Amino acid sequence: MEAEPGGGGLGQAVCIMTGASWGLGRRLACLLAPQLVPGSALLLVVLSASALGELEDDLHAACPALRVQGLPADLASDKGLQRVLQARQALHSGAGWLQWLLLINNAGEHPPV
């Protein structure tokens, strides 16, 4: 059973989800978004921005009060990690009081096919 948008099962939160552009990460983002209350934020960290626009659009349509931000970043580099930390800080500072800061680390390497 899918939750209603804005159901708020998790309360006010900033959630960082890595590997969110496809597969399990994409599905988790779609399942998590309705559990967050309006004003919460979902930071979708992906290696490549190619599939990000559609996911952001889908989540905005399903949960309009959720702040969804896509962030292309290579987590294997210091620069990529710094980008994630800066984005998290910006989301957290704009959110007011939070009940949760969630990290769902789904990033990984794919072996050559």
C-alpha atoms as a PDB file:
ATOM      1  CA  MET A   1       0.000   0.000   0.000  1.00  0.00           C
ATOM      2  CA  GLU A   2       1.401   3.389  -1.013  1.00  0.00           C
ATOM      3  CA  ALA A   3       1.327   6.287   1.449  1.00  0.00           C
ATOM      4  CA  GLU A   4      -0.637   9.421   0.706  1.00  0.00           C
ATOM      5  CA  PRO A   5       1.474  12.437  -0.315  1.00  0.00           C
ATOM      6  CA  GLY A   6       2.458  14.474   2.727  1.00  0.00           C
ATOM      7  CA  GLY A   7       1.459  11.620   5.029  1.00  0.00           C
ATOM      8  CA  GLY A   8       4.302  12.578   7.301  1.00  0.00           C
ATOM      9  CA  GLY A   9       5.225   9.184   8.665  1.00  0.00           C
ATOM     10  CA  LEU A  10       8.789  10.413   9.160  1.00  0.00           C
ATOM     11  CA  GLY A  11       8.072  14.000  10.154  1.00  0.00           C
ATOM     12  CA  GLN A  12      10.141  17.066   9.200  1.00  0.00           C
ATOM     13  CA  ALA A  13      13.392  15.854   7.648  1.00  0.00           C
ATOM     14  CA  VAL A  14      16.228  16.447   5.263  1.00  0.00           C
ATOM     15  CA  CYS A  15      17.000  13.222   3.447  1.00  0.00           C
ATOM     16  CA  ILE A  16      20.126  12.694   1.367  1.00  0.00           C
ATOM     17  CA  MET A  17      19.785   9.812  -1.066  1.00  0.00           C
ATOM     18  CA  THR A  18      22.768   8.729  -3.144  1.00  0.00           C
ATOM     19  CA  GLY A  19      22.442   6.634  -6.294  1.00  0.00           C
ATOM     20  CA  ALA A  20      18.921   7.968  -6.816  1.00  0.00           C
ATOM     21  CA  SER A  21      18.817   8.213 -10.611  1.00  0.00           C
ATOM     22  CA  TRP A  22      17.753   4.635 -11.422  1.00  0.00           C
ATOM     23  CA  GLY A  23      16.981   1.179 -10.062  1.00  0.00           C
ATOM     24  CA  LEU A  24      16.629   0.716  -6.329  1.00  0.00           C
ATOM     25  CA  GLY A  25      17.601   4.312  -5.533  1.00  0.00           C
ATOM     26  CA  ARG A  26      14.930   5.733  -7.831  1.00  0.00           C
ATOM     27  CA  ARG A  27      12.266   3.439  -6.363  1.00  0.00           C
ATOM     28  CA  LEU A  28      13.308   4.296  -2.797  1.00  0.00           C
ATOM     29  CA  ALA A  29      13.043   8.022  -3.580  1.00  0.00           C
ATOM     30  CA  CYS A  30       9.506   7.506  -4.898  1.00  0.00           C
ATOM     31  CA  LEU A  31       8.530   5.517  -1.801  1.00  0.00           C
ATOM     32  CA  LEU A  32      10.179   7.883   0.673  1.00  0.00           C
ATOM     33  CA  ALA A  33       8.884  11.190  -0.691  1.00  0.00           C
ATOM     34  CA  PRO A  34       5.243  10.706   0.426  1.00  0.00           C
ATOM     35  CA  GLN A  35       6.434   9.829   3.938  1.00  0.00           C
ATOM     36  CA  LEU A  36       7.950  13.279   4.469  1.00  0.00           C
ATOM     37  CA  VAL A  37       5.845  16.169   5.746  1.00  0.00           C
ATOM     38  CA  PRO A  38       5.511  19.417   3.774  1.00  0.00           C
ATOM     39  CA  GLY A  39       8.636  21.523   4.110  1.00  0.00           C
ATOM     40  CA  SER A  40      10.939  18.515   4.295  1.00  0.00           C
ATOM     41  CA  ALA A  41      13.711  18.201   1.723  1.00  0.00           C
ATOM     42  CA  LEU A  42      14.958  15.349  -0.427  1.00  0.00           C
ATOM     43  CA  LEU A  43      18.462  15.709  -1.878  1.00  0.00           C
ATOM     44  CA  LEU A  44      18.939  13.303  -4.778  1.00  0.00           C
ATOM     45  CA  VAL A  45      22.664  12.722  -5.338  1.00  0.00           C
ATOM     46  CA  VAL A  46      23.514  11.146  -8.679  1.00  0.00           C
ATOM     47  CA  LEU A  47      26.659  10.579 -10.690  1.00  0.00           C
ATOM     48  CA  SER A  48      25.138  11.784 -13.951  1.00  0.00           C
ATOM     49  CA  ALA A  49      22.319  14.294 -14.335  1.00  0.00           C
ATOM     50  CA  SER A  50      20.846  12.617 -17.438  1.00  0.00           C
ATOM     51  CA  ALA A  51      17.928  10.870 -15.657  1.00  0.00           C
ATOM     52  CA  LEU A  52      17.523  13.399 -12.879  1.00  0.00           C
ATOM     53  CA  GLY A  53      15.074  15.844 -14.476  1.00  0.00           C
ATOM     54  CA  GLU A  54      12.316  13.277 -14.937  1.00  0.00           C
ATOM     55  CA  LEU A  55      12.655  12.005 -11.359  1.00  0.00           C
ATOM     56  CA  GLU A  56      12.563  15.536  -9.939  1.00  0.00           C
ATOM     57  CA  ASP A  57       9.467  16.310 -12.025  1.00  0.00           C
ATOM     58  CA  ASP A  58       7.715  13.118 -10.881  1.00  0.00           C
ATOM     59  CA  LEU A  59       8.439  13.826  -7.217  1.00  0.00           C
ATOM     60  CA  HIS A  60       7.354  17.485  -7.481  1.00  0.00           C
ATOM     61  CA  ALA A  61       4.082  16.370  -9.082  1.00  0.00           C
ATOM     62  CA  ALA A  62       3.415  13.700  -6.440  1.00  0.00           C
ATOM     63  CA  CYS A  63       4.534  15.782  -3.432  1.00  0.00           C
ATOM     64  CA  PRO A  64       4.378  19.506  -4.287  1.00  0.00           C
ATOM     65  CA  ALA A  65       5.167  20.663  -0.727  1.00  0.00           C
ATOM     66  CA  LEU A  66       8.386  18.604  -0.622  1.00  0.00           C
ATOM     67  CA  ARG A  67      11.600  20.424  -1.508  1.00  0.00           C
ATOM     68  CA  VAL A  68      13.321  18.171  -4.050  1.00  0.00           C
ATOM     69  CA  GLN A  69      16.821  19.007  -5.220  1.00  0.00           C
ATOM     70  CA  GLY A  70      18.934  16.990  -7.618  1.00  0.00           C
ATOM     71  CA  LEU A  71      22.696  17.149  -7.310  1.00  0.00           C
ATOM     72  CA  PRO A  72      25.107  15.551  -9.774  1.00  0.00           C
ATOM     73  CA  ALA A  73      28.222  14.698  -7.769  1.00  0.00           C
ATOM     74  CA  ASP A  74      30.974  12.084  -7.958  1.00  0.00           C
ATOM     75  CA  LEU A  75      31.186  10.751  -4.410  1.00  0.00           C
ATOM     76  CA  ALA A  76      34.586   9.207  -5.160  1.00  0.00           C
ATOM     77  CA  SER A  77      36.102  12.698  -5.245  1.00  0.00           C
ATOM     78  CA  ASP A  78      36.649  15.302  -2.548  1.00  0.00           C
ATOM     79  CA  LYS A  79      34.975  17.904  -4.755  1.00  0.00           C
ATOM     80  CA  GLY A  80      31.848  15.745  -5.055  1.00  0.00           C
ATOM     81  CA  LEU A  81      31.690  15.180  -1.307  1.00  0.00           C
ATOM     82  CA  GLN A  82      32.072  18.912  -0.665  1.00  0.00           C
ATOM     83  CA  ARG A  83      29.180  19.619  -3.061  1.00  0.00           C
ATOM     84  CA  VAL A  84      26.945  17.238  -1.095  1.00  0.00           C
ATOM     85  CA  LEU A  85      27.927  18.786   2.237  1.00  0.00           C
ATOM     86  CA  GLN A  86      27.270  22.303   0.934  1.00  0.00           C
ATOM     87  CA  ALA A  87      23.874  21.298  -0.458  1.00  0.00           C
ATOM     88  CA  ARG A  88      22.948  19.588   2.817  1.00  0.00           C
ATOM     89  CA  GLN A  89      23.915  22.684   4.780  1.00  0.00           C
ATOM     90  CA  ALA A  90      21.824  24.909   2.512  1.00  0.00           C
ATOM     91  CA  LEU A  91      18.786  22.626   2.808  1.00  0.00           C
ATOM     92  CA  HIS A  92      19.154  22.266   6.566  1.00  0.00           C
ATOM     93  CA  SER A  93      19.574  25.995   7.203  1.00  0.00           C
ATOM     94  CA  GLY A  94      16.417  26.774   5.211  1.00  0.00           C
ATOM     95  CA  ALA A  95      14.300  24.105   6.886  1.00  0.00           C
ATOM     96  CA  GLY A  96      14.042  25.434  10.425  1.00  0.00           C
ATOM     97  CA  TRP A  97      13.629  22.799  13.106  1.00  0.00           C
ATOM     98  CA  LEU A  98      14.134  19.215  11.913  1.00  0.00           C
ATOM     99  CA  GLN A  99      13.178  15.917  13.449  1.00  0.00           C
ATOM    100  CA  TRP A 100      15.464  13.862  11.212  1.00  0.00           C
ATOM    101  CA  LEU A 101      18.526  14.045   9.026  1.00  0.00           C
ATOM    102  CA  LEU A 102      18.493  10.862   6.948  1.00  0.00           C
ATOM    103  CA  LEU A 103      21.218   9.386   4.752  1.00  0.00           C
ATOM    104  CA  ILE A 104      20.377   6.582   2.366  1.00  0.00           C
ATOM    105  CA  ASN A 105      23.653   5.588   0.749  1.00  0.00           C
ATOM    106  CA  ASN A 106      22.788   3.658  -2.383  1.00  0.00           C
ATOM    107  CA  ALA A 107      25.736   4.761  -4.530  1.00  0.00           C
ATOM    108  CA  GLY A 108      28.072   2.153  -5.869  1.00  0.00           C
ATOM    109  CA  GLU A 109      30.186   1.090  -8.793  1.00  0.00           C
ATOM    110  CA  HIS A 110      28.825  -1.022 -11.579  1.00  0.00           C
ATOM    111  CA  PRO A 111      31.067  -3.671 -13.126  1.00  0.00           C
ATOM    112  CA  PRO A 112      31.633  -3.435 -16.871  1.00  0.00           C
ATOM    113  CA  VAL A 113      29.040  -5.293 -18.922  1.00  0.00           C
END
